[in-house]
Protein backbone atom coordinates (compact mmCIF):
# COMPACT_ATOMS: atom_id res chain seq x y z
CA UNK A 1 -34.85 22.73 96.73
CA UNK A 2 -34.32 26.05 97.90
CA UNK A 3 -35.43 27.47 94.53
CA UNK A 4 -38.61 25.96 94.83
CA UNK A 5 -39.34 27.04 98.26
CA UNK A 6 -38.53 30.63 97.27
CA UNK A 7 -40.98 30.19 94.28
CA UNK A 8 -43.74 28.98 96.75
CA UNK A 9 -43.06 31.63 99.15
CA UNK A 10 -43.22 34.42 96.32
CA UNK A 11 -46.26 32.74 94.96
CA UNK A 12 -47.99 32.80 98.41
CA UNK A 13 -47.25 36.47 99.20
CA UNK A 14 -48.37 37.65 95.73
CA UNK A 15 -51.64 35.64 96.26
CA UNK A 16 -52.02 37.24 99.52
CA UNK A 17 -51.40 40.90 98.33
CA UNK A 18 -53.75 40.33 95.55
CA UNK A 19 -56.49 39.58 98.07
CA UNK A 20 -55.72 42.15 100.73
CA UNK A 21 -56.38 45.83 99.45
CA UNK A 22 -55.90 49.08 101.19
CA UNK A 23 -58.83 50.31 103.55
CA UNK A 24 -61.24 52.76 102.24
CA UNK A 25 -59.69 55.90 103.66
CA UNK A 26 -62.79 58.05 103.46
CA UNK A 27 -64.53 55.42 105.73
CA UNK A 28 -61.40 55.33 108.07
CA UNK A 29 -61.24 59.28 108.04
CA UNK A 30 -65.06 59.76 108.82
CA UNK A 31 -64.50 57.39 111.56
CA UNK A 32 -61.56 59.04 113.10
CA UNK A 33 -63.30 62.43 112.79
CA UNK A 34 -66.22 61.38 114.80
CA UNK A 35 -64.32 59.80 117.46
CA UNK A 36 -61.89 62.67 118.14
CA UNK A 37 -64.67 65.40 117.72
CA UNK A 38 -66.97 63.42 119.82
CA UNK A 39 -64.36 63.49 122.68
CA UNK A 40 -63.89 67.08 122.23
CA UNK A 41 -67.45 67.94 122.14
CA UNK A 42 -68.09 65.57 125.11
CA UNK A 43 -65.36 67.72 127.02
CA UNK A 44 -67.44 71.02 126.21
CA UNK A 45 -70.87 69.56 126.91
CA UNK A 46 -69.86 67.55 130.28
CA UNK A 47 -67.49 70.05 131.63
CA UNK A 48 -69.89 71.96 134.08
CA UNK A 49 -71.79 68.88 134.85
CA UNK A 50 -68.46 67.14 135.79
CA UNK A 51 -67.41 69.77 137.82
CA UNK A 52 -70.73 69.92 139.86
CA UNK A 53 -71.13 66.21 140.47
CA UNK A 54 -67.57 64.94 140.61
CA UNK A 55 -65.62 68.32 141.11
CA UNK A 56 -63.63 67.51 137.94
CA UNK A 57 -64.41 69.13 134.72
CA UNK A 58 -63.04 66.30 132.68
CA UNK A 59 -64.58 63.26 134.60
CA UNK A 60 -66.71 62.23 131.64
CA UNK A 61 -64.16 62.65 129.16
CA UNK A 62 -61.80 60.56 131.48
CA UNK A 63 -64.50 57.98 131.85
CA UNK A 64 -65.16 57.72 128.27
CA UNK A 65 -61.64 57.38 127.33
CA UNK A 66 -61.04 54.73 130.18
CA UNK A 67 -63.95 52.75 129.33
CA UNK A 68 -64.98 53.26 125.89
CA UNK A 69 -62.14 54.48 123.58
CA UNK A 70 -59.70 52.11 125.11
CA UNK A 71 -61.98 49.11 124.78
CA UNK A 72 -63.12 50.59 121.34
CA UNK A 73 -59.51 50.64 120.13
CA UNK A 74 -58.93 46.99 121.06
CA UNK A 75 -62.38 46.16 119.25
CA UNK A 76 -61.32 48.25 116.28
CA UNK A 77 -57.97 46.46 115.92
CA UNK A 78 -59.58 43.08 116.49
CA UNK A 79 -62.45 43.88 113.77
CA UNK A 80 -59.77 45.27 111.30
CA UNK A 81 -57.60 42.48 111.30
CA UNK A 82 -59.46 39.35 112.38
CA UNK A 83 -60.83 37.93 108.78
CA UNK A 84 -64.37 38.95 108.55
CA UNK A 85 -65.59 35.67 107.45
CA UNK A 86 -64.96 34.08 111.04
CA UNK A 87 -67.79 36.30 112.40
CA UNK A 88 -70.17 34.16 110.31
CA UNK A 89 -69.27 31.01 112.33
CA UNK A 90 -69.99 32.87 115.55
CA UNK A 91 -72.92 34.88 114.74
CA UNK A 92 -75.57 32.54 116.19
CA UNK A 93 -73.64 31.88 119.57
CA UNK A 94 -72.86 35.54 119.72
CA UNK A 95 -76.58 36.26 119.50
CA UNK A 96 -77.62 33.73 121.96
CA UNK A 97 -75.08 34.83 124.60
CA UNK A 98 -76.17 38.70 124.08
CA UNK A 99 -79.78 37.37 124.85
CA UNK A 100 -78.74 35.77 127.73
CA UNK A 101 -77.09 38.96 129.02
CA UNK A 102 -80.15 41.07 128.08
CA UNK A 103 -82.05 38.52 130.62
CA UNK A 104 -79.31 38.86 133.28
CA UNK A 105 -80.43 42.54 133.85
CA UNK A 106 -83.14 41.61 135.60
CA UNK A 107 -81.43 39.37 138.04
CA UNK A 108 -79.34 40.75 140.91
CA UNK A 109 -76.55 41.32 138.56
CA UNK A 110 -78.58 44.08 136.96
CA UNK A 111 -78.29 47.83 137.73
CA UNK A 112 -81.16 50.17 137.54
CA UNK A 113 -81.08 53.88 136.98
CA UNK A 114 -83.68 56.72 136.20
CA UNK A 115 -86.19 54.00 136.22
CA UNK A 116 -84.60 51.70 133.42
CA UNK A 117 -82.90 48.11 133.92
CA UNK A 118 -80.43 48.37 131.28
CA UNK A 119 -76.77 47.77 132.87
CA UNK A 120 -75.41 44.85 133.92
CA UNK A 121 -72.28 44.51 136.46
CA UNK A 122 -69.92 41.62 136.36
CA UNK A 123 -67.11 42.07 138.90
CA UNK A 124 -65.70 45.61 138.14
CA UNK A 125 -67.09 45.61 134.44
CA UNK A 126 -70.25 47.69 133.97
CA UNK A 127 -72.21 47.76 130.43
CA UNK A 128 -75.11 47.81 128.52
CA UNK A 129 -75.95 44.23 126.90
CA UNK A 130 -78.55 46.10 124.60
CA UNK A 131 -75.48 47.84 122.86
CA UNK A 132 -73.96 44.34 122.16
CA UNK A 133 -77.05 43.65 119.70
CA UNK A 134 -75.85 46.36 117.29
CA UNK A 135 -73.11 43.84 116.68
CA UNK A 136 -74.66 40.43 117.30
CA UNK A 137 -77.90 41.04 115.70
CA UNK A 138 -76.69 42.26 112.14
CA UNK A 139 -74.10 39.45 112.36
CA UNK A 140 -76.79 36.80 113.06
CA UNK A 141 -78.97 38.02 110.35
CA UNK A 142 -76.37 38.51 107.66
CA UNK A 143 -75.05 35.05 108.49
CA UNK A 144 -78.67 33.41 108.62
CA UNK A 145 -79.59 34.97 105.18
CA UNK A 146 -76.21 34.38 103.17
CA UNK A 147 -76.24 30.53 104.04
CA UNK A 148 -79.46 29.98 102.57
CA UNK A 149 -81.21 29.71 99.19
CA UNK A 150 -84.10 31.84 98.32
CA UNK A 151 -86.24 29.98 100.63
CA UNK A 152 -85.70 32.29 103.62
CA UNK A 153 -86.47 35.26 101.53
CA UNK A 154 -89.69 33.92 99.73
CA UNK A 155 -90.98 31.22 102.09
CA UNK A 156 -92.94 32.48 105.16
CA UNK A 157 -92.49 29.43 107.32
CA UNK A 158 -88.74 29.14 106.79
CA UNK A 159 -87.98 32.82 106.47
CA UNK A 160 -90.34 35.46 107.79
CA UNK A 161 -91.71 33.38 110.62
CA UNK A 162 -88.45 32.34 112.45
CA UNK A 163 -86.91 35.91 111.78
CA UNK A 164 -90.02 37.14 113.47
CA UNK A 165 -89.74 34.92 116.62
CA UNK A 166 -86.14 36.00 117.09
CA UNK A 167 -87.26 39.88 116.90
CA UNK A 168 -90.06 39.21 119.12
CA UNK A 169 -87.77 37.66 121.92
CA UNK A 170 -85.27 40.34 121.72
CA UNK A 171 -87.98 42.95 121.63
CA UNK A 172 -89.79 41.46 124.83
CA UNK A 173 -86.52 41.80 126.70
CA UNK A 174 -85.72 45.49 125.47
CA UNK A 175 -89.23 46.67 126.04
CA UNK A 176 -89.01 45.33 129.49
CA UNK A 177 -85.88 47.54 130.34
CA UNK A 178 -87.48 49.79 128.82
CA UNK A 179 -85.83 50.47 125.50
CA UNK A 180 -88.65 51.28 122.84
CA UNK A 181 -86.31 53.03 120.54
CA UNK A 182 -83.73 50.12 120.35
CA UNK A 183 -86.54 47.89 119.17
CA UNK A 184 -87.65 50.38 116.59
CA UNK A 185 -84.02 50.63 115.14
CA UNK A 186 -83.23 47.05 115.26
CA UNK A 187 -86.65 46.10 113.28
CA UNK A 188 -85.73 48.93 110.88
CA UNK A 189 -82.32 47.68 110.28
CA UNK A 190 -83.24 43.92 110.35
CA UNK A 191 -85.98 45.09 107.75
CA UNK A 192 -83.58 46.78 105.29
CA UNK A 193 -81.14 43.74 105.69
CA UNK A 194 -84.02 41.33 104.88
CA UNK A 195 -85.37 43.40 101.96
CA UNK A 196 -81.73 43.76 100.49
CA UNK A 197 -81.19 39.86 100.48
CA UNK A 198 -84.18 39.75 98.16
CA UNK A 199 -87.14 39.13 100.42
CA UNK A 200 -90.55 39.53 99.29
CA UNK A 201 -91.70 43.31 99.36
CA UNK A 202 -94.94 42.06 101.05
CA UNK A 203 -92.87 40.59 103.95
CA UNK A 204 -91.06 43.93 104.35
CA UNK A 205 -94.45 45.72 104.58
CA UNK A 206 -95.54 43.20 107.11
CA UNK A 207 -92.59 43.76 109.25
CA UNK A 208 -92.96 47.51 109.16
CA UNK A 209 -96.69 47.32 109.88
CA UNK A 210 -96.49 44.99 112.63
CA UNK A 211 -93.47 46.81 114.18
CA UNK A 212 -95.42 50.12 113.94
CA UNK A 213 -98.67 48.88 115.28
CA UNK A 214 -96.68 47.00 118.02
CA UNK A 215 -94.73 50.07 119.18
CA UNK A 216 -97.89 52.41 119.07
CA UNK A 217 -100.04 49.97 121.17
CA UNK A 218 -97.16 49.52 123.67
CA UNK A 219 -96.81 53.50 123.62
CA UNK A 220 -100.57 53.93 124.18
CA UNK A 221 -100.89 51.71 127.18
CA UNK A 222 -97.75 53.15 128.77
CA UNK A 223 -98.13 56.58 130.09
CA UNK A 224 -94.71 58.00 129.86
CA UNK A 225 -94.22 56.69 126.39
CA UNK A 226 -97.68 58.14 125.33
CA UNK A 227 -96.65 61.49 126.92
CA UNK A 228 -93.58 61.67 124.65
CA UNK A 229 -95.68 61.34 121.62
CA UNK A 230 -98.22 63.85 122.79
CA UNK A 231 -95.21 66.25 123.52
CA UNK A 232 -93.71 65.60 120.05
CA UNK A 233 -97.15 66.53 118.44
CA UNK A 234 -97.37 69.50 120.76
CA UNK A 235 -94.25 70.88 122.24
CA UNK A 236 -95.26 74.24 123.11
CA UNK A 237 -97.78 72.51 125.58
CA UNK A 238 -96.00 71.96 129.25
CA UNK A 239 -92.96 73.59 128.64
CA UNK A 240 -91.98 73.49 132.21
CA UNK A 241 -92.80 69.72 132.31
CA UNK A 242 -92.85 67.22 129.54
CA UNK A 243 -92.05 69.54 126.81
CA UNK A 244 -89.00 71.25 128.89
CA UNK A 245 -86.37 68.98 127.39
CA UNK A 246 -87.17 69.43 123.79
CA UNK A 247 -87.90 73.27 124.05
CA UNK A 248 -84.59 73.80 125.69
CA UNK A 249 -82.92 71.67 122.91
CA UNK A 250 -84.59 73.89 120.34
CA UNK A 251 -83.54 77.03 122.10
CA UNK A 252 -79.88 75.84 122.06
CA UNK A 253 -79.93 75.03 118.53
CA UNK A 254 -81.69 78.09 117.49
CA UNK A 255 -79.11 80.23 119.73
CA UNK A 256 -76.29 78.79 117.57
CA UNK A 257 -77.38 80.66 114.32
CA UNK A 258 -75.04 80.32 111.44
CA UNK A 259 -71.65 79.96 112.87
CA UNK A 260 -72.31 79.26 116.86
CA UNK A 261 -71.47 80.98 119.94
CA UNK A 262 -68.04 79.51 120.19
CA UNK A 263 -66.58 76.31 121.56
CA UNK A 264 -67.33 76.00 125.32
CA UNK A 265 -69.42 78.89 125.20
CA UNK A 266 -72.85 77.32 125.27
CA UNK A 267 -74.93 78.65 128.31
CA UNK A 268 -77.92 76.41 127.72
CA UNK A 269 -75.99 73.00 128.69
CA UNK A 270 -75.09 74.80 132.03
CA UNK A 271 -78.52 75.74 133.27
CA UNK A 272 -81.12 74.31 131.18
CA UNK A 273 -80.46 71.46 128.92
CA UNK A 274 -81.25 67.90 130.37
CA UNK A 275 -78.45 65.11 129.46
CA UNK A 276 -75.94 67.50 127.60
CA UNK A 277 -73.34 64.86 127.32
CA UNK A 278 -75.89 62.13 126.45
CA UNK A 279 -78.70 62.37 124.01
CA UNK A 280 -78.91 66.22 123.87
CA UNK A 281 -75.14 66.70 122.69
CA UNK A 282 -76.27 67.55 119.00
CA UNK A 283 -78.05 70.51 120.65
CA UNK A 284 -74.46 71.66 122.31
CA UNK A 285 -72.88 71.05 118.95
CA UNK A 286 -75.54 73.18 117.08
CA UNK A 287 -75.27 75.93 119.52
CA UNK A 288 -71.57 76.30 119.86
CA UNK A 289 -70.73 75.65 116.12
CA UNK A 290 -74.12 76.84 114.65
CA UNK A 291 -75.59 75.58 111.49
CA UNK A 292 -72.29 75.06 109.57
CA UNK A 293 -70.88 72.99 112.29
CA UNK A 294 -73.86 70.78 112.81
CA UNK A 295 -74.23 70.47 109.19
CA UNK A 296 -70.55 69.20 109.20
CA UNK A 297 -71.16 66.37 111.59
CA UNK A 298 -74.39 65.45 109.63
CA UNK A 299 -72.54 65.36 106.33
CA UNK A 300 -69.74 63.02 107.88
CA UNK A 301 -72.51 60.65 109.31
CA UNK A 302 -73.97 60.61 105.78
CA UNK A 303 -70.54 60.00 103.99
CA UNK A 304 -69.78 57.02 106.44
CA UNK A 305 -73.01 55.57 105.67
CA UNK A 306 -73.10 56.20 102.06
CA UNK A 307 -69.64 54.67 101.66
CA UNK A 308 -70.52 51.72 103.66
CA UNK A 309 -73.53 51.07 101.27
CA UNK A 310 -71.32 51.65 98.08
CA UNK A 311 -68.91 49.14 99.54
CA UNK A 312 -71.52 46.59 100.12
CA UNK A 313 -72.62 47.20 96.43
CA UNK A 314 -69.25 46.31 95.17
CA UNK A 315 -68.36 43.05 96.87
CA UNK A 316 -69.64 39.75 95.66
CA UNK A 317 -69.55 38.22 99.26
CA UNK A 318 -73.18 37.85 100.37
CA UNK A 319 -72.18 37.69 104.00
CA UNK A 320 -70.12 40.82 103.77
CA UNK A 321 -72.62 42.58 101.57
CA UNK A 322 -75.46 41.95 104.08
CA UNK A 323 -73.15 42.70 107.07
CA UNK A 324 -72.40 46.16 105.56
CA UNK A 325 -75.92 46.91 104.95
CA UNK A 326 -76.83 45.93 108.60
CA UNK A 327 -74.09 48.18 110.32
CA UNK A 328 -74.49 50.85 107.76
CA UNK A 329 -78.22 51.07 108.54
CA UNK A 330 -77.93 50.80 112.21
CA UNK A 331 -75.29 53.81 112.11
CA UNK A 332 -77.53 55.89 109.92
CA UNK A 333 -80.94 55.15 111.79
CA UNK A 334 -79.36 55.78 115.06
CA UNK A 335 -77.91 58.93 114.06
CA UNK A 336 -81.21 60.10 112.32
CA UNK A 337 -83.02 59.15 115.34
CA UNK A 338 -81.06 61.03 117.82
CA UNK A 339 -80.59 64.37 115.53
CA UNK A 340 -84.34 64.05 114.64
CA UNK A 341 -85.41 63.71 117.99
CA UNK A 342 -83.23 66.61 119.69
CA UNK A 343 -84.35 68.75 116.54
CA UNK A 344 -88.15 68.36 117.13
CA UNK A 345 -88.51 66.25 114.05
CA UNK A 346 -89.03 62.88 115.94
CA UNK A 347 -90.37 62.08 119.41
CA UNK A 348 -87.55 62.32 121.95
CA UNK A 349 -86.20 58.79 122.72
CA UNK A 350 -82.91 59.17 124.76
CA UNK A 351 -81.02 57.31 121.86
CA UNK A 352 -77.27 58.58 121.99
CA UNK A 353 -75.54 59.86 118.99
CA UNK A 354 -73.00 57.21 117.60
CA UNK A 355 -69.42 57.73 118.48
CA UNK A 356 -70.08 61.08 120.16
CA UNK A 357 -72.62 60.64 123.25
CA UNK A 358 -71.42 59.88 126.62
CA UNK A 359 -71.43 56.07 126.74
CA UNK A 360 -68.44 53.65 126.97
CA UNK A 361 -70.37 50.68 125.78
CA UNK A 362 -71.76 52.21 122.91
CA UNK A 363 -68.53 53.89 121.68
CA UNK A 364 -66.74 50.52 122.05
CA UNK A 365 -69.29 48.78 119.88
CA UNK A 366 -69.57 51.49 117.22
CA UNK A 367 -65.82 51.40 116.98
CA UNK A 368 -65.66 47.54 116.81
CA UNK A 369 -68.18 47.74 114.00
CA UNK A 370 -66.15 50.33 112.16
CA UNK A 371 -63.25 47.89 112.36
CA UNK A 372 -65.20 45.11 110.77
CA UNK A 373 -66.38 47.76 107.97
CA UNK A 374 -62.71 48.50 107.52
CA UNK A 375 -61.80 44.76 107.32
CA UNK A 376 -64.44 44.02 104.68
CA UNK A 377 -63.12 47.05 102.65
CA UNK A 378 -59.77 45.37 102.67
CA UNK A 379 -60.70 41.85 102.11
CA UNK A 380 -63.98 41.48 100.49
C-alpha cells in the first residue's frame, strides 16, 4: 500500500513539474528594471515639487511605494501564482464591476481634480477605476473570443456588434470623465486582439475608422481637445499658453544631448516643466540621461512587449494567447502614446508612462498585469 502511495505521489509531482516551467527571465528582468528605475526617476522628477507642496522632497516616492508598489507586489504575486485559466471564469463579472465603478465616479463617492472626474474614494482608499479597465477589458475580450467558434470573428451580429456595444458603453463613461486617450488605447488594443483572433479585416478597418471619426468629432466639438490638436499641428504658436507644455518638454529633451546633464540635475523640472512626476517624466529622463539613457528605457519597453508577443505566439492556449496580446498591446500603446506625445510626435494626452509615472493605481495594475504575464510564461 505504501509503495503504491509513493508511486502516485511521484507520478503527480512529475506531472506537475512537466506542466510548470521557469518564468521568462527577460520579461521578469524588464519589469523589475522599469519598476525600480521608475521609483528612482520619480524621486528625481518630483523632489522639488514635493519640497514645495509638502515640505518633503520624497513625498511622491513614499506615496508611490505605499499606495502603488505595495499593492503592486501583492497583485504581482497573486497574478504569478493563481493559475491564469481562473481569470477566464471571472472576466465578465470583473468587467461589469469595473463599469459600475466607472459610473460611481459621477456620484458623491467620486473626486474631481483639475476639471476631471476620474477618482473614486471608498473609505480611506482613493483610486482610478479607469485604470482597472487595463486588466478587466483584455481579460473579458480574451475570454469572450476564446470560448467561441469563428462566429464572433466572422459574424457581424454575433461578433462586431456586441463588442461595439461594450466598447461604446465604456467609451461613454470615459469620455464623460473626460479621458479621451484611454478610449483610443482601449479601442486600439481591443482591435488588435480581435484581429489576432481571426476576425475579418473589414471588421478591423471598421473599428479603426469609427473610432478615429468619433474621437475627431468629439475633439472638434470640445474646445480644449481641439486646442490640443491645433497645438500639436503648430507647437510654436502660443508658446506661453496652450503650447507651453510641449515646448518646455522639447527644451528638456534637447538639453539632455547625448549623455544628459546628470541624475537629479534637471533644471527644467524645477522651473518650467508641467507635471514632471506625471506624464512629463520621460522628458526628465531624457534631460538627465540624454539620448542614450532615454533609448535604454525605450528599448526595455520594446523588449517587454516583443517578448510578450513572442510568448503569445508559442502558446497553444487561445485564452492565454489573446490575453498576452491584449496586455502587450496596452503596455506598448500606452508607452508609445506617452513618449510620442512628450516628444512632439503625437498630441499631448496626459497619459502616464507605464510603471514609471506617478500614480498608485496605475503602478498596481501594471504590476498585476506583469504577474499574469509571468504566470502564463510558466504554465501555458
